[in-house]
Amino acid sequence: MHKSLLRRSLVLVHTFTTVIATCVAIFSNVAVAQPGTLAVSPFELAQLVVQPGDQLSGEISVDAGPDDEGSFIPVTITHGSNPGPVLTLIAGIHGSEYAPIMAMQRLPALIDPNSLSGTLIVVRVANIPAFQGRTIYFGPGDLKNLNRSFPGDADGTITERIADTLTQQVMMRSDYLIDIHAGDANESLRPSYSAYYAEAGGESVVQESRRIAVAFGLDTIVQFAGSYDSVEEAIYTSAQAVTLGIPAMDVESGELGKADDPYVDPITDGALNVMRELNMIAGEPDLPPNPLFIRDRARVYSAHDGIWHADALVQTGDYVSEGARLGKITDYHGNELETIVAPASGILLILFGTPPVNEGDNIVVIGRVASQRDN
């Protein structure tokens, strides 16, 4: 069967499966109140089999290719004693975004499988080659960006095979998915925010994606625009998920290679909030009273190779006015090549935080703010 037809068939199959799983998740609300009243089967993920009421850590292998030795994806599966949805959390799509990776090191220890309804899949580090290589954006072997490589290719480069493994082995087993990021090792990023596709995946997927994005509990929520006609076009992790019919969201918390508690704690707290919202664990999510929704973002891309000098008076998280000076790019002898100004008024979400800059680099992201908050 042609690959595109096969992928469309998988989308239809998963959409039907999602409907069934949603019904199970709804019924699991009763199971939370009356644990043990419904039989729960073992959960299988790749070669890993987890019994109800148990937690298992292991590795999903990524086969070797002609130019590499392959890789592996470390995961922890917590399979509840009670029925419920399958929630997947993915960290380390970019190997130098350390706050999400450290958050996923902590989260499994906070979950009691005997009181859990449903199944939690924690992908601790999705991109081991980039993590071990300490690279930003790209894998060190094939120089590909994993978050631009979905749905992947089983016969492709190492990054494409990791994407294929995540899509086929992890994503397709999920009822909900959270892709967790930070500002990369060269990026300042504040405030921490959640995000979801406001137009992709169909009405029910959008509604459920928004539901978990709000439940995550951060004060700022970015609404991604656009939709996709096929899974081949959905090259981002959460875009692939929603195109497959899986409600999904992104998180951004952390910056500049840091793994401090102020960046890690919002991720673990948010994950627990979503689990409460989905009735996987007891309690009510701690929701923001009036979250700020950002519907549009303005960007600046470098026109030069050289050295970036951020303006000392500007910090991410600040409100900046259109035309405000954010920094400059010089050549390697200190001669100014370009002054960078804000292309729009709004919250400065991302700003380069280290000197190296290359032509085409996205050095500024500003979230345009509506005149009134929308909840």
Protein backbone atom coordinates (compact mmCIF):
# COMPACT_ATOMS: atom_id res chain seq x y z
CA MET A 1 0.00 0.00 0.00
CA HIS A 2 1.29 3.51 -0.78
CA LYS A 3 2.73 5.15 2.35
CA SER A 4 0.33 8.13 2.27
CA LEU A 5 -2.69 5.82 1.95
CA LEU A 6 -1.40 3.70 4.82
CA ARG A 7 -1.00 6.76 7.03
CA ARG A 8 -4.55 7.95 6.17
CA SER A 9 -5.83 4.50 7.13
CA LEU A 10 -4.00 4.77 10.44
CA VAL A 11 -5.63 8.16 11.06
CA LEU A 12 -9.09 6.66 10.52
CA VAL A 13 -8.30 3.69 12.76
CA HIS A 14 -6.93 5.89 15.51
CA THR A 15 -9.91 8.27 15.32
CA PHE A 16 -12.26 5.34 15.88
CA THR A 17 -10.02 4.09 18.70
CA THR A 18 -10.03 7.56 20.29
CA VAL A 19 -13.84 7.56 20.39
CA ILE A 20 -13.84 4.20 22.15
CA ALA A 21 -11.10 5.31 24.55
CA THR A 22 -13.00 8.48 25.37
CA CYS A 23 -16.02 6.40 26.35
CA VAL A 24 -13.78 4.30 28.59
CA ALA A 25 -12.28 7.45 30.09
CA ILE A 26 -15.75 8.81 30.88
CA PHE A 27 -16.76 5.55 32.53
CA SER A 28 -13.50 5.62 34.48
CA ASN A 29 -14.92 8.49 36.54
CA VAL A 30 -16.99 5.83 38.32
CA ALA A 31 -13.93 3.62 38.64
CA VAL A 32 -12.11 6.36 40.54
CA ALA A 33 -14.87 6.45 43.13
CA GLN A 34 -15.17 2.65 43.26
CA PRO A 35 -11.67 1.25 42.68
CA GLY A 36 -11.39 -2.37 41.73
CA THR A 37 -14.89 -2.72 40.31
CA LEU A 38 -13.64 -3.06 36.71
CA ALA A 39 -11.03 -5.44 35.42
CA VAL A 40 -7.90 -3.79 33.99
CA SER A 41 -5.73 -5.61 31.47
CA PRO A 42 -1.94 -5.37 31.28
CA PHE A 43 -0.66 -2.46 29.22
CA GLU A 44 1.72 -3.08 26.34
CA LEU A 45 4.08 -0.52 24.83
CA ALA A 46 6.58 -1.86 22.30
CA GLN A 47 8.16 -4.85 24.09
CA LEU A 48 7.22 -3.58 27.57
CA VAL A 49 4.29 -5.14 29.43
CA VAL A 50 3.03 -3.49 32.62
CA GLN A 51 0.59 -5.09 35.03
CA PRO A 52 -2.25 -3.07 36.62
CA GLY A 53 -1.07 -1.28 39.72
CA ASP A 54 2.57 -1.36 38.64
CA GLN A 55 5.23 0.98 37.31
CA LEU A 56 7.89 -0.11 34.85
CA SER A 57 10.90 1.67 33.35
CA GLY A 58 12.54 0.45 30.18
CA GLU A 59 13.77 1.41 26.74
CA ILE A 60 12.19 1.44 23.30
CA SER A 61 14.87 0.63 20.77
CA VAL A 62 15.43 2.63 17.59
CA ASP A 63 16.97 0.33 15.00
CA ALA A 64 20.40 0.99 13.55
CA GLY A 65 20.67 2.56 10.12
CA PRO A 66 23.34 2.41 7.42
CA ASP A 67 25.18 5.39 8.92
CA ASP A 68 24.54 5.03 12.66
CA GLU A 69 24.22 2.53 15.51
CA GLY A 70 20.61 3.35 16.28
CA SER A 71 19.38 4.72 19.57
CA PHE A 72 16.87 4.13 22.35
CA ILE A 73 14.07 6.02 24.08
CA PRO A 74 13.90 5.70 27.90
CA VAL A 75 10.32 5.53 29.16
CA THR A 76 8.47 4.92 32.40
CA ILE A 77 4.94 3.51 32.27
CA THR A 78 2.64 3.76 35.27
CA HIS A 79 -0.38 1.53 34.74
CA GLY A 80 -3.21 2.21 37.14
CA SER A 81 -5.31 -0.30 38.98
CA ASN A 82 -8.41 1.46 37.66
CA PRO A 83 -9.56 2.16 34.08
CA GLY A 84 -8.92 5.55 32.52
CA PRO A 85 -7.21 7.37 29.65
CA VAL A 86 -3.65 6.98 28.43
CA LEU A 87 -1.72 10.23 28.91
CA THR A 88 1.73 10.59 27.33
CA LEU A 89 4.28 13.19 28.37
CA ILE A 90 7.30 13.69 26.10
CA ALA A 91 10.47 15.52 27.15
CA GLY A 92 13.74 15.93 25.32
CA ILE A 93 12.55 16.32 21.74
CA HIS A 94 15.36 18.91 21.78
CA GLY A 95 18.31 17.52 23.70
CA SER A 96 19.46 20.72 25.42
CA GLU A 97 16.06 21.70 26.84
CA TYR A 98 16.87 20.46 30.31
CA ALA A 99 14.00 21.63 32.53
CA PRO A 100 11.48 19.27 30.84
CA ILE A 101 13.95 16.38 31.03
CA MET A 102 14.55 16.93 34.74
CA ALA A 103 10.82 17.29 35.38
CA MET A 104 10.23 13.89 33.79
CA GLN A 105 12.96 12.45 36.02
CA ARG A 106 10.88 13.52 39.02
CA LEU A 107 7.31 12.91 37.94
CA PRO A 108 7.06 9.08 38.02
CA ALA A 109 7.99 9.01 41.71
CA LEU A 110 4.97 11.23 42.45
CA ILE A 111 2.45 8.76 40.98
CA ASP A 112 0.95 5.86 42.94
CA PRO A 113 -0.14 3.20 40.42
CA ASN A 114 -2.57 1.68 42.92
CA SER A 115 -4.62 4.87 43.08
CA LEU A 116 -4.14 5.80 39.40
CA SER A 117 -7.01 5.59 36.92
CA GLY A 118 -5.59 5.02 33.48
CA THR A 119 -2.01 4.91 32.25
CA LEU A 120 0.78 7.46 32.31
CA ILE A 121 3.57 7.17 29.72
CA VAL A 122 6.60 9.31 30.50
CA VAL A 123 9.15 9.67 27.70
CA ARG A 124 12.11 10.80 29.76
CA VAL A 125 14.41 11.80 26.86
CA ALA A 126 13.04 11.47 23.34
CA ASN A 127 16.22 12.49 21.52
CA ILE A 128 19.13 10.66 23.15
CA PRO A 129 21.63 11.53 20.34
CA ALA A 130 20.97 15.27 20.78
CA PHE A 131 21.01 14.97 24.59
CA GLN A 132 24.31 13.10 24.66
CA GLY A 133 25.73 15.39 21.98
CA ARG A 134 24.61 18.54 23.86
CA THR A 135 23.33 20.04 20.63
CA ILE A 136 20.61 22.67 20.20
CA TYR A 137 17.77 22.27 17.70
CA PHE A 138 19.40 19.50 15.65
CA GLY A 139 20.66 15.96 16.08
CA PRO A 140 24.47 15.73 15.92
CA GLY A 141 24.56 12.98 13.30
CA ASP A 142 22.13 14.04 10.59
CA LEU A 143 21.63 17.73 11.57
CA LYS A 144 17.85 17.30 11.51
CA ASN A 145 15.37 18.87 13.92
CA LEU A 146 13.24 16.17 15.56
CA ASN A 147 10.41 18.68 15.99
CA ARG A 148 10.34 19.12 12.22
CA SER A 149 10.58 15.40 11.37
CA PHE A 150 7.18 13.85 12.09
CA PRO A 151 5.62 11.46 11.25
CA GLY A 152 9.12 10.11 10.63
CA ASP A 153 10.50 7.44 8.36
CA ALA A 154 11.42 3.91 9.42
CA ASP A 155 14.05 3.84 6.67
CA GLY A 156 15.33 7.40 7.15
CA THR A 157 18.08 9.05 9.16
CA ILE A 158 18.38 8.55 12.92
CA THR A 159 16.21 11.60 13.68
CA GLU A 160 13.55 10.43 11.22
CA ARG A 161 13.60 6.95 12.75
CA ILE A 162 13.18 8.37 16.25
CA ALA A 163 10.17 10.35 14.98
CA ASP A 164 8.73 7.21 13.38
CA THR A 165 9.23 5.23 16.59
CA LEU A 166 7.54 7.92 18.68
CA THR A 167 4.63 8.13 16.23
CA GLN A 168 4.02 4.42 15.81
CA GLN A 169 4.97 3.04 19.23
CA VAL A 170 4.05 5.87 21.61
CA MET A 171 1.73 8.40 20.02
CA MET A 172 -0.63 5.79 18.57
CA ARG A 173 -1.07 4.32 22.08
CA SER A 174 -2.10 7.66 23.57
CA ASP A 175 -5.45 9.29 24.29
CA TYR A 176 -3.83 12.60 25.25
CA LEU A 177 -0.31 13.91 24.65
CA ILE A 178 1.81 16.70 26.11
CA ASP A 179 5.00 17.75 24.30
CA ILE A 180 7.22 19.53 26.82
CA HIS A 181 9.80 22.08 25.72
CA ALA A 182 11.91 24.95 27.06
CA GLY A 183 13.87 27.75 25.53
CA ASP A 184 16.84 25.94 24.02
CA ALA A 185 20.34 26.39 25.45
CA ASN A 186 20.74 29.62 23.47
CA GLU A 187 17.28 31.07 24.18
CA SER A 188 15.86 33.13 27.00
CA LEU A 189 12.16 32.27 27.42
CA ARG A 190 9.66 33.78 29.85
CA PRO A 191 7.01 33.42 31.07
CA SER A 192 6.38 29.69 31.07
CA TYR A 193 3.37 28.98 28.88
CA SER A 194 1.19 26.22 27.53
CA ALA A 195 -0.03 26.05 23.94
CA TYR A 196 -2.41 24.12 21.72
CA TYR A 197 -3.61 24.01 18.13
CA ALA A 198 -6.80 26.07 17.99
CA GLU A 199 -7.72 25.03 14.43
CA ALA A 200 -6.24 21.57 13.80
CA GLY A 201 -7.66 18.12 14.36
CA GLY A 202 -11.39 18.77 14.29
CA GLU A 203 -13.73 20.38 16.80
CA SER A 204 -13.61 17.70 19.51
CA VAL A 205 -9.80 17.46 19.35
CA VAL A 206 -9.49 21.25 19.60
CA GLN A 207 -11.86 21.36 22.57
CA GLU A 208 -10.00 18.61 24.43
CA SER A 209 -6.62 20.15 23.58
CA ARG A 210 -7.79 23.49 24.96
CA ARG A 211 -9.16 21.71 28.02
CA ILE A 212 -5.81 20.22 29.00
CA ALA A 213 -3.88 23.37 28.03
CA VAL A 214 -5.99 25.41 30.45
CA ALA A 215 -5.89 22.66 33.09
CA PHE A 216 -2.08 22.69 33.01
CA GLY A 217 -2.45 25.82 35.09
CA LEU A 218 -0.11 28.39 33.56
CA ASP A 219 -1.22 32.00 33.24
CA THR A 220 -0.24 32.33 29.57
CA ILE A 221 -1.67 30.15 26.80
CA VAL A 222 -0.60 30.39 23.16
CA GLN A 223 -3.07 29.32 20.49
CA PHE A 224 -1.31 27.88 17.45
CA ALA A 225 -2.95 28.76 14.15
CA GLY A 226 -3.42 26.55 11.11
CA SER A 227 -4.39 22.98 10.34
CA TYR A 228 -2.97 20.16 8.25
CA ASP A 229 -4.37 18.23 5.30
CA SER A 230 -2.26 15.14 5.99
CA VAL A 231 0.04 13.65 8.59
CA GLU A 232 2.97 14.26 6.22
CA GLU A 233 2.38 18.02 6.59
CA ALA A 234 2.13 17.82 10.39
CA ILE A 235 5.87 17.86 11.08
CA TYR A 236 5.71 19.03 14.70
CA THR A 237 5.16 16.58 17.58
CA SER A 238 1.81 17.90 18.83
CA ALA A 239 0.70 18.78 15.29
CA GLN A 240 1.18 15.14 14.34
CA ALA A 241 -0.84 14.07 17.38
CA VAL A 242 -3.85 16.30 16.71
CA THR A 243 -3.82 15.39 13.02
CA LEU A 244 -4.05 11.75 14.12
CA GLY A 245 -7.06 12.68 16.28
CA ILE A 246 -5.20 12.78 19.61
CA PRO A 247 -5.79 15.87 21.78
CA ALA A 248 -2.40 17.42 22.48
CA MET A 249 -0.67 20.47 23.86
CA ASP A 250 2.78 21.99 24.18
CA VAL A 251 4.54 23.40 27.22
CA GLU A 252 7.43 25.86 27.27
CA SER A 253 9.22 26.23 30.63
CA GLY A 254 12.91 26.89 31.04
CA GLU A 255 15.72 28.65 29.27
CA LEU A 256 19.43 28.80 28.51
CA GLY A 257 20.18 25.22 29.51
CA LYS A 258 18.97 25.74 33.08
CA ALA A 259 17.26 23.06 35.14
CA ASP A 260 16.36 25.10 38.22
CA ASP A 261 13.21 24.49 40.26
CA PRO A 262 11.42 27.64 39.03
CA TYR A 263 11.42 26.06 35.56
CA VAL A 264 10.99 22.41 36.57
CA ASP A 265 8.22 22.80 39.15
CA PRO A 266 5.64 24.34 36.78
CA ILE A 267 6.02 21.27 34.57
CA THR A 268 5.50 18.67 37.29
CA ASP A 269 2.70 20.74 38.85
CA GLY A 270 1.06 21.15 35.45
CA ALA A 271 1.26 17.46 34.64
CA LEU A 272 -0.45 16.62 37.94
CA ASN A 273 -3.08 19.27 37.18
CA VAL A 274 -3.89 17.63 33.84
CA MET A 275 -4.10 14.23 35.50
CA ARG A 276 -6.62 15.64 37.97
CA GLU A 277 -8.60 17.20 35.11
CA LEU A 278 -8.74 13.80 33.38
CA ASN A 279 -9.78 12.09 36.65
CA MET A 280 -6.62 9.99 36.63
CA ILE A 281 -5.72 11.07 40.18
CA ALA A 282 -7.81 12.52 42.98
CA GLY A 283 -8.36 16.23 43.43
CA GLU A 284 -9.24 19.27 41.38
CA PRO A 285 -6.80 21.07 39.08
CA ASP A 286 -5.49 24.43 40.23
CA LEU A 287 -6.72 26.55 37.32
CA PRO A 288 -5.56 30.08 36.51
CA PRO A 289 -8.39 32.53 37.28
CA ASN A 290 -8.00 34.52 34.07
CA PRO A 291 -5.42 33.09 31.65
CA LEU A 292 -3.98 35.31 28.96
CA PHE A 293 -4.56 33.84 25.49
CA ILE A 294 -2.08 34.79 22.77
CA ARG A 295 -3.47 34.20 19.28
CA ASP A 296 -0.66 35.59 17.18
CA ARG A 297 3.12 35.78 17.37
CA ALA A 298 5.56 38.06 15.56
CA ARG A 299 9.10 36.91 14.84
CA VAL A 300 12.44 38.36 13.80
CA TYR A 301 14.97 36.30 11.83
CA SER A 302 18.62 37.22 11.55
CA ALA A 303 19.83 38.42 8.16
CA HIS A 304 23.48 37.88 9.09
CA ASP A 305 26.07 35.56 10.57
CA GLY A 306 27.84 37.24 13.45
CA ILE A 307 27.56 38.12 17.13
CA TRP A 308 24.32 38.94 18.93
CA HIS A 309 24.26 41.68 21.59
CA ALA A 310 20.97 41.76 23.52
CA ASP A 311 19.94 45.13 24.95
CA ALA A 312 20.67 45.10 28.68
CA LEU A 313 17.36 46.82 29.48
CA VAL A 314 15.21 44.17 27.80
CA GLN A 315 14.13 40.89 29.38
CA THR A 316 11.85 38.12 28.21
CA GLY A 317 8.46 38.33 29.86
CA ASP A 318 8.44 42.12 29.45
CA TYR A 319 5.80 43.95 27.47
CA VAL A 320 7.54 45.71 24.59
CA SER A 321 6.21 48.29 22.19
CA GLU A 322 6.54 48.03 18.44
CA GLY A 323 9.84 49.57 17.38
CA ALA A 324 11.54 49.10 20.77
CA ARG A 325 15.24 48.30 20.48
CA LEU A 326 15.98 44.71 21.48
CA GLY A 327 19.64 44.40 20.50
CA LYS A 328 22.07 44.41 17.62
CA ILE A 329 24.08 42.06 15.43
CA THR A 330 27.74 42.81 14.73
CA ASP A 331 30.33 41.12 12.57
CA TYR A 332 33.24 39.34 14.23
CA HIS A 333 35.19 42.63 14.43
CA GLY A 334 32.46 44.50 16.28
CA ASN A 335 31.03 46.42 13.34
CA GLU A 336 27.26 46.76 13.59
CA LEU A 337 25.38 44.94 10.85
CA GLU A 338 21.79 45.30 12.01
CA THR A 339 19.73 46.81 14.83
CA ILE A 340 16.92 44.52 15.95
CA VAL A 341 13.67 46.15 17.01
CA ALA A 342 10.33 44.74 18.11
CA PRO A 343 8.18 44.00 15.05
CA ALA A 344 4.98 44.33 17.10
CA SER A 345 3.75 45.28 20.54
CA GLY A 346 3.26 42.45 22.99
CA ILE A 347 4.97 40.07 25.42
CA LEU A 348 8.57 39.25 24.58
CA LEU A 349 8.37 35.45 24.80
CA ILE A 350 11.74 34.42 23.35
CA LEU A 351 15.02 36.30 22.84
CA PHE A 352 18.44 34.94 21.93
CA GLY A 353 20.52 34.78 25.09
CA THR A 354 23.95 33.81 23.74
CA PRO A 355 26.29 35.57 21.30
CA PRO A 356 26.47 33.24 18.26
CA VAL A 357 23.93 34.07 15.57
CA ASN A 358 23.53 32.69 12.06
CA GLU A 359 21.61 33.95 9.09
CA GLY A 360 18.03 32.70 9.33
CA ASP A 361 18.03 32.21 13.12
CA ASN A 362 14.76 33.09 14.83
CA ILE A 363 16.12 35.52 17.43
CA VAL A 364 12.90 37.16 18.65
CA VAL A 365 9.34 35.91 19.32
CA ILE A 366 6.68 38.34 20.54
CA GLY A 367 3.19 37.31 21.58
CA ARG A 368 0.69 39.87 20.38
CA VAL A 369 -1.77 40.61 23.16
CA ALA A 370 -5.46 41.31 22.56
CA SER A 371 -7.01 44.34 24.20
CA GLN A 372 -8.92 42.15 26.65
CA ARG A 373 -8.18 38.79 28.21
CA ASP A 374 -10.19 35.88 26.88
CA ASN A 375 -11.03 32.87 28.97
